[in-house]
N, C-alpha and C. Protein backbone atom coordinates (compact mmCIF):
# COMPACT_ATOMS: atom_id res chain seq x y z
N UNK A 1 -145.08 -143.51 10.07
CA UNK A 1 -144.02 -143.86 9.13
C UNK A 1 -144.09 -142.99 7.87
N UNK A 2 -145.30 -142.76 7.38
CA UNK A 2 -145.47 -141.96 6.17
C UNK A 2 -145.03 -140.51 6.42
N UNK A 3 -145.27 -140.00 7.63
CA UNK A 3 -144.87 -138.63 7.96
C UNK A 3 -143.35 -138.52 8.01
N UNK A 4 -142.65 -139.54 8.49
CA UNK A 4 -141.19 -139.52 8.54
C UNK A 4 -140.60 -139.50 7.14
N UNK A 5 -141.20 -140.25 6.23
CA UNK A 5 -140.73 -140.28 4.84
C UNK A 5 -140.92 -138.91 4.19
N UNK A 6 -142.09 -138.29 4.43
CA UNK A 6 -142.35 -136.97 3.87
C UNK A 6 -141.38 -135.93 4.44
N UNK A 7 -141.12 -136.02 5.73
CA UNK A 7 -140.17 -135.10 6.35
C UNK A 7 -138.78 -135.29 5.77
N UNK A 8 -138.36 -136.53 5.61
CA UNK A 8 -137.05 -136.82 5.03
C UNK A 8 -136.96 -136.30 3.60
N UNK A 9 -137.98 -136.54 2.79
CA UNK A 9 -137.97 -136.07 1.40
C UNK A 9 -137.95 -134.55 1.31
N UNK A 10 -138.71 -133.89 2.19
CA UNK A 10 -138.71 -132.43 2.20
C UNK A 10 -137.34 -131.89 2.59
N UNK A 11 -136.73 -132.48 3.60
CA UNK A 11 -135.40 -132.05 4.04
C UNK A 11 -134.36 -132.28 2.93
N UNK A 12 -134.42 -133.44 2.28
CA UNK A 12 -133.49 -133.73 1.20
C UNK A 12 -133.68 -132.75 0.04
N UNK A 13 -134.93 -132.44 -0.28
CA UNK A 13 -135.23 -131.48 -1.35
C UNK A 13 -134.69 -130.10 -1.00
N UNK A 14 -134.89 -129.68 0.25
CA UNK A 14 -134.41 -128.38 0.68
C UNK A 14 -132.89 -128.29 0.63
N UNK A 15 -132.19 -129.32 1.08
CA UNK A 15 -130.73 -129.34 1.03
C UNK A 15 -130.22 -129.32 -0.42
N UNK A 16 -130.84 -130.11 -1.27
CA UNK A 16 -130.43 -130.13 -2.69
C UNK A 16 -130.66 -128.77 -3.34
N UNK A 17 -131.77 -128.14 -3.02
CA UNK A 17 -132.06 -126.81 -3.56
C UNK A 17 -131.01 -125.80 -3.11
N UNK A 18 -130.61 -125.86 -1.84
CA UNK A 18 -129.60 -124.94 -1.33
C UNK A 18 -128.27 -125.15 -2.04
N UNK A 19 -127.87 -126.40 -2.24
CA UNK A 19 -126.59 -126.69 -2.87
C UNK A 19 -126.60 -126.24 -4.33
N UNK A 20 -127.67 -126.54 -5.03
CA UNK A 20 -127.75 -126.18 -6.45
C UNK A 20 -127.88 -124.67 -6.63
N UNK A 21 -128.66 -124.02 -5.80
CA UNK A 21 -128.89 -122.59 -5.95
C UNK A 21 -127.68 -121.75 -5.57
N UNK A 22 -126.87 -122.23 -4.67
CA UNK A 22 -125.76 -121.41 -4.20
C UNK A 22 -124.69 -121.21 -5.26
N UNK A 23 -124.55 -122.11 -6.20
CA UNK A 23 -123.52 -121.99 -7.21
C UNK A 23 -123.96 -121.32 -8.48
N UNK A 24 -125.21 -120.91 -8.54
CA UNK A 24 -125.71 -120.40 -9.82
C UNK A 24 -125.35 -118.94 -10.05
N UNK A 25 -124.88 -118.24 -9.05
CA UNK A 25 -124.52 -116.85 -9.22
C UNK A 25 -123.09 -116.64 -8.78
N UNK A 26 -122.16 -117.14 -9.56
CA UNK A 26 -120.75 -117.01 -9.22
C UNK A 26 -120.00 -116.40 -10.41
N UNK A 27 -119.13 -115.45 -10.09
CA UNK A 27 -118.30 -114.80 -11.11
C UNK A 27 -116.85 -114.82 -10.63
N UNK A 28 -115.95 -115.03 -11.57
CA UNK A 28 -114.53 -115.01 -11.23
C UNK A 28 -113.80 -114.08 -12.19
N UNK A 29 -113.01 -113.18 -11.61
CA UNK A 29 -112.21 -112.25 -12.39
C UNK A 29 -110.74 -112.47 -12.03
N UNK A 30 -109.91 -112.69 -13.05
CA UNK A 30 -108.49 -112.92 -12.84
C UNK A 30 -107.74 -111.65 -13.24
N UNK A 31 -107.01 -111.09 -12.27
CA UNK A 31 -106.22 -109.90 -12.50
C UNK A 31 -104.76 -110.33 -12.59
N UNK A 32 -104.08 -109.94 -13.67
CA UNK A 32 -102.69 -110.36 -13.88
C UNK A 32 -102.63 -111.86 -14.10
N UNK A 33 -101.80 -112.55 -13.31
CA UNK A 33 -101.67 -114.01 -13.42
C UNK A 33 -102.57 -114.75 -12.44
N UNK A 34 -103.42 -114.05 -11.73
CA UNK A 34 -104.32 -114.68 -10.77
C UNK A 34 -103.66 -114.89 -9.43
N UNK A 35 -104.44 -115.44 -8.49
CA UNK A 35 -103.95 -115.69 -7.15
C UNK A 35 -102.87 -116.75 -7.12
N UNK A 36 -101.83 -116.53 -6.33
CA UNK A 36 -100.71 -117.45 -6.31
C UNK A 36 -100.57 -118.23 -5.02
N UNK A 37 -100.30 -117.54 -3.91
CA UNK A 37 -99.99 -118.26 -2.67
C UNK A 37 -101.22 -118.67 -1.87
N UNK A 38 -102.40 -118.24 -2.26
CA UNK A 38 -103.63 -118.69 -1.60
C UNK A 38 -104.08 -117.84 -0.43
N UNK A 39 -103.50 -116.66 -0.23
CA UNK A 39 -103.95 -115.77 0.83
C UNK A 39 -105.30 -115.19 0.42
N UNK A 40 -106.31 -115.36 1.29
CA UNK A 40 -107.66 -114.91 0.95
C UNK A 40 -108.16 -113.84 1.90
N UNK A 41 -108.88 -112.88 1.34
CA UNK A 41 -109.63 -111.87 2.09
C UNK A 41 -111.08 -112.02 1.65
N UNK A 42 -111.99 -111.96 2.63
CA UNK A 42 -113.40 -112.16 2.31
C UNK A 42 -114.23 -111.03 2.90
N UNK A 43 -115.23 -110.58 2.14
CA UNK A 43 -116.14 -109.54 2.61
C UNK A 43 -117.54 -109.84 2.10
N UNK A 44 -118.52 -109.39 2.83
CA UNK A 44 -119.92 -109.59 2.43
C UNK A 44 -120.45 -108.27 1.88
N UNK A 45 -121.10 -108.36 0.74
CA UNK A 45 -121.68 -107.20 0.08
C UNK A 45 -123.19 -107.28 0.23
N UNK A 46 -123.83 -106.16 0.60
CA UNK A 46 -125.27 -106.12 0.87
C UNK A 46 -125.99 -105.25 -0.15
N UNK A 47 -127.18 -105.68 -0.53
CA UNK A 47 -128.01 -104.96 -1.49
C UNK A 47 -129.45 -104.88 -0.98
N UNK A 48 -130.17 -103.85 -1.40
CA UNK A 48 -131.61 -103.76 -1.15
C UNK A 48 -132.33 -103.70 -2.48
N UNK A 49 -133.62 -103.82 -2.44
CA UNK A 49 -134.48 -103.81 -3.63
C UNK A 49 -134.05 -104.88 -4.63
N UNK A 50 -133.94 -106.10 -4.15
CA UNK A 50 -133.63 -107.29 -4.95
C UNK A 50 -132.30 -107.18 -5.70
N UNK A 51 -131.33 -106.53 -5.10
CA UNK A 51 -130.00 -106.42 -5.68
C UNK A 51 -129.77 -105.20 -6.54
N UNK A 52 -130.71 -104.27 -6.55
CA UNK A 52 -130.57 -103.09 -7.40
C UNK A 52 -129.74 -101.98 -6.76
N UNK A 53 -129.81 -101.84 -5.43
CA UNK A 53 -129.14 -100.73 -4.76
C UNK A 53 -128.14 -101.29 -3.74
N UNK A 54 -126.84 -101.03 -3.92
CA UNK A 54 -125.87 -101.52 -2.95
C UNK A 54 -125.92 -100.71 -1.65
N UNK A 55 -125.78 -101.42 -0.52
CA UNK A 55 -125.76 -100.75 0.79
C UNK A 55 -124.32 -100.40 1.16
N UNK A 56 -123.40 -101.34 0.96
CA UNK A 56 -121.99 -101.09 1.29
C UNK A 56 -121.13 -101.30 0.05
N UNK A 57 -119.94 -100.73 0.08
CA UNK A 57 -119.02 -100.84 -1.04
C UNK A 57 -117.87 -101.76 -0.65
N UNK A 58 -117.63 -102.79 -1.46
CA UNK A 58 -116.50 -103.69 -1.23
C UNK A 58 -115.47 -103.39 -2.31
N UNK A 59 -114.31 -102.89 -1.91
CA UNK A 59 -113.25 -102.52 -2.84
C UNK A 59 -112.26 -103.67 -2.96
N UNK A 60 -112.33 -104.40 -4.06
CA UNK A 60 -111.47 -105.58 -4.24
C UNK A 60 -110.00 -105.20 -4.38
N UNK A 61 -109.69 -104.06 -4.98
CA UNK A 61 -108.29 -103.66 -5.10
C UNK A 61 -107.71 -103.31 -3.73
N UNK A 62 -108.52 -102.77 -2.85
CA UNK A 62 -108.07 -102.50 -1.48
C UNK A 62 -107.86 -103.81 -0.73
N UNK A 63 -108.74 -104.80 -0.97
CA UNK A 63 -108.59 -106.11 -0.34
C UNK A 63 -107.33 -106.82 -0.83
N UNK A 64 -106.92 -106.55 -2.08
CA UNK A 64 -105.71 -107.16 -2.63
C UNK A 64 -104.45 -106.50 -2.08
N UNK A 65 -104.58 -105.37 -1.45
CA UNK A 65 -103.47 -104.66 -0.78
C UNK A 65 -102.30 -104.40 -1.72
N UNK A 66 -102.59 -103.89 -2.91
CA UNK A 66 -101.54 -103.50 -3.83
C UNK A 66 -100.95 -104.63 -4.66
N UNK A 67 -101.46 -105.84 -4.54
CA UNK A 67 -100.94 -106.96 -5.34
C UNK A 67 -101.30 -106.75 -6.81
N UNK A 68 -100.42 -107.16 -7.70
CA UNK A 68 -100.71 -107.02 -9.13
C UNK A 68 -101.32 -108.29 -9.71
N UNK A 69 -101.21 -109.41 -9.01
CA UNK A 69 -101.78 -110.68 -9.45
C UNK A 69 -102.72 -111.20 -8.37
N UNK A 70 -104.02 -111.24 -8.69
CA UNK A 70 -104.99 -111.76 -7.74
C UNK A 70 -106.26 -112.19 -8.48
N UNK A 71 -107.10 -112.91 -7.78
CA UNK A 71 -108.36 -113.41 -8.33
C UNK A 71 -109.50 -112.92 -7.46
N UNK A 72 -110.57 -112.46 -8.10
CA UNK A 72 -111.76 -111.99 -7.38
C UNK A 72 -112.89 -112.98 -7.66
N UNK A 73 -113.42 -113.58 -6.61
CA UNK A 73 -114.58 -114.47 -6.72
C UNK A 73 -115.77 -113.80 -6.05
N UNK A 74 -116.84 -113.63 -6.80
CA UNK A 74 -118.08 -113.06 -6.28
C UNK A 74 -119.15 -114.12 -6.43
N UNK A 75 -119.76 -114.52 -5.30
CA UNK A 75 -120.73 -115.60 -5.36
C UNK A 75 -121.73 -115.52 -4.21
N UNK A 76 -122.82 -116.22 -4.39
CA UNK A 76 -123.78 -116.42 -3.31
C UNK A 76 -123.46 -117.78 -2.71
N UNK A 77 -122.86 -117.76 -1.53
CA UNK A 77 -122.46 -118.99 -0.85
C UNK A 77 -123.68 -119.60 -0.16
N UNK A 78 -123.56 -120.85 0.31
CA UNK A 78 -124.68 -121.45 1.06
C UNK A 78 -125.09 -120.61 2.28
N UNK A 79 -124.13 -119.97 2.94
CA UNK A 79 -124.47 -119.09 4.07
C UNK A 79 -125.27 -117.89 3.59
N UNK A 80 -124.88 -117.30 2.47
CA UNK A 80 -125.63 -116.18 1.90
C UNK A 80 -127.05 -116.62 1.55
N UNK A 81 -127.17 -117.83 1.02
CA UNK A 81 -128.49 -118.35 0.64
C UNK A 81 -129.40 -118.41 1.86
N UNK A 82 -128.87 -118.92 2.98
CA UNK A 82 -129.66 -119.03 4.21
C UNK A 82 -130.00 -117.64 4.74
N UNK A 83 -129.03 -116.73 4.74
CA UNK A 83 -129.29 -115.35 5.18
C UNK A 83 -130.36 -114.72 4.31
N UNK A 84 -130.27 -114.92 3.01
CA UNK A 84 -131.22 -114.31 2.08
C UNK A 84 -132.63 -114.87 2.22
N UNK A 85 -132.75 -116.10 2.73
CA UNK A 85 -134.09 -116.64 2.99
C UNK A 85 -134.84 -115.77 3.98
N UNK A 86 -134.13 -115.25 4.97
CA UNK A 86 -134.77 -114.44 6.01
C UNK A 86 -134.80 -112.95 5.66
N UNK A 87 -133.70 -112.43 5.14
CA UNK A 87 -133.65 -110.99 4.84
C UNK A 87 -134.32 -110.65 3.52
N UNK A 88 -134.54 -111.64 2.68
CA UNK A 88 -135.20 -111.39 1.40
C UNK A 88 -136.63 -110.93 1.55
N UNK A 89 -137.23 -111.19 2.70
CA UNK A 89 -138.60 -110.75 2.96
C UNK A 89 -138.69 -109.23 2.86
N UNK A 90 -137.64 -108.55 3.30
CA UNK A 90 -137.61 -107.08 3.23
C UNK A 90 -136.67 -106.60 2.12
N UNK A 91 -136.44 -107.43 1.12
CA UNK A 91 -135.66 -107.17 -0.09
C UNK A 91 -134.20 -106.85 0.17
N UNK A 92 -133.61 -107.39 1.24
CA UNK A 92 -132.19 -107.21 1.53
C UNK A 92 -131.48 -108.52 1.19
N UNK A 93 -130.44 -108.45 0.37
CA UNK A 93 -129.71 -109.64 -0.06
C UNK A 93 -128.21 -109.45 0.13
N UNK A 94 -127.51 -110.56 0.30
CA UNK A 94 -126.04 -110.49 0.46
C UNK A 94 -125.36 -111.42 -0.54
N UNK A 95 -124.09 -111.13 -0.78
CA UNK A 95 -123.23 -112.02 -1.55
C UNK A 95 -121.82 -111.87 -1.00
N UNK A 96 -120.98 -112.86 -1.26
CA UNK A 96 -119.64 -112.89 -0.71
C UNK A 96 -118.63 -112.57 -1.80
N UNK A 97 -117.69 -111.67 -1.48
CA UNK A 97 -116.60 -111.33 -2.38
C UNK A 97 -115.32 -111.84 -1.74
N UNK A 98 -114.58 -112.70 -2.47
CA UNK A 98 -113.34 -113.27 -1.98
C UNK A 98 -112.21 -112.87 -2.91
N UNK A 99 -111.15 -112.31 -2.36
CA UNK A 99 -109.97 -111.93 -3.13
C UNK A 99 -108.84 -112.87 -2.72
N UNK A 100 -108.28 -113.59 -3.70
CA UNK A 100 -107.17 -114.52 -3.44
C UNK A 100 -105.91 -113.95 -4.06
N UNK A 101 -104.88 -113.74 -3.23
CA UNK A 101 -103.61 -113.20 -3.72
C UNK A 101 -102.65 -114.32 -4.02
């Protein structure tokens, strides 16, 4: 019984940590009047050396496809957090860039 309680508490702690940690690195940029109709494009951006060197380039203006009003959200989502748990061992990290038109 004591082992089940410890397992439950550890799982609850891990889930709470994931939820709290995933929102701590979020940035939002509003271009023009911001996103209107809710059309979203999403891309994953990869970094090495703890976020110092980008591996790929995510062009938000290209994702907006010429729109003059859009919103760029850059964040570490819960999926990124889980990915980073494994890839962080070799200093590779990801974050999600979402463009809303």
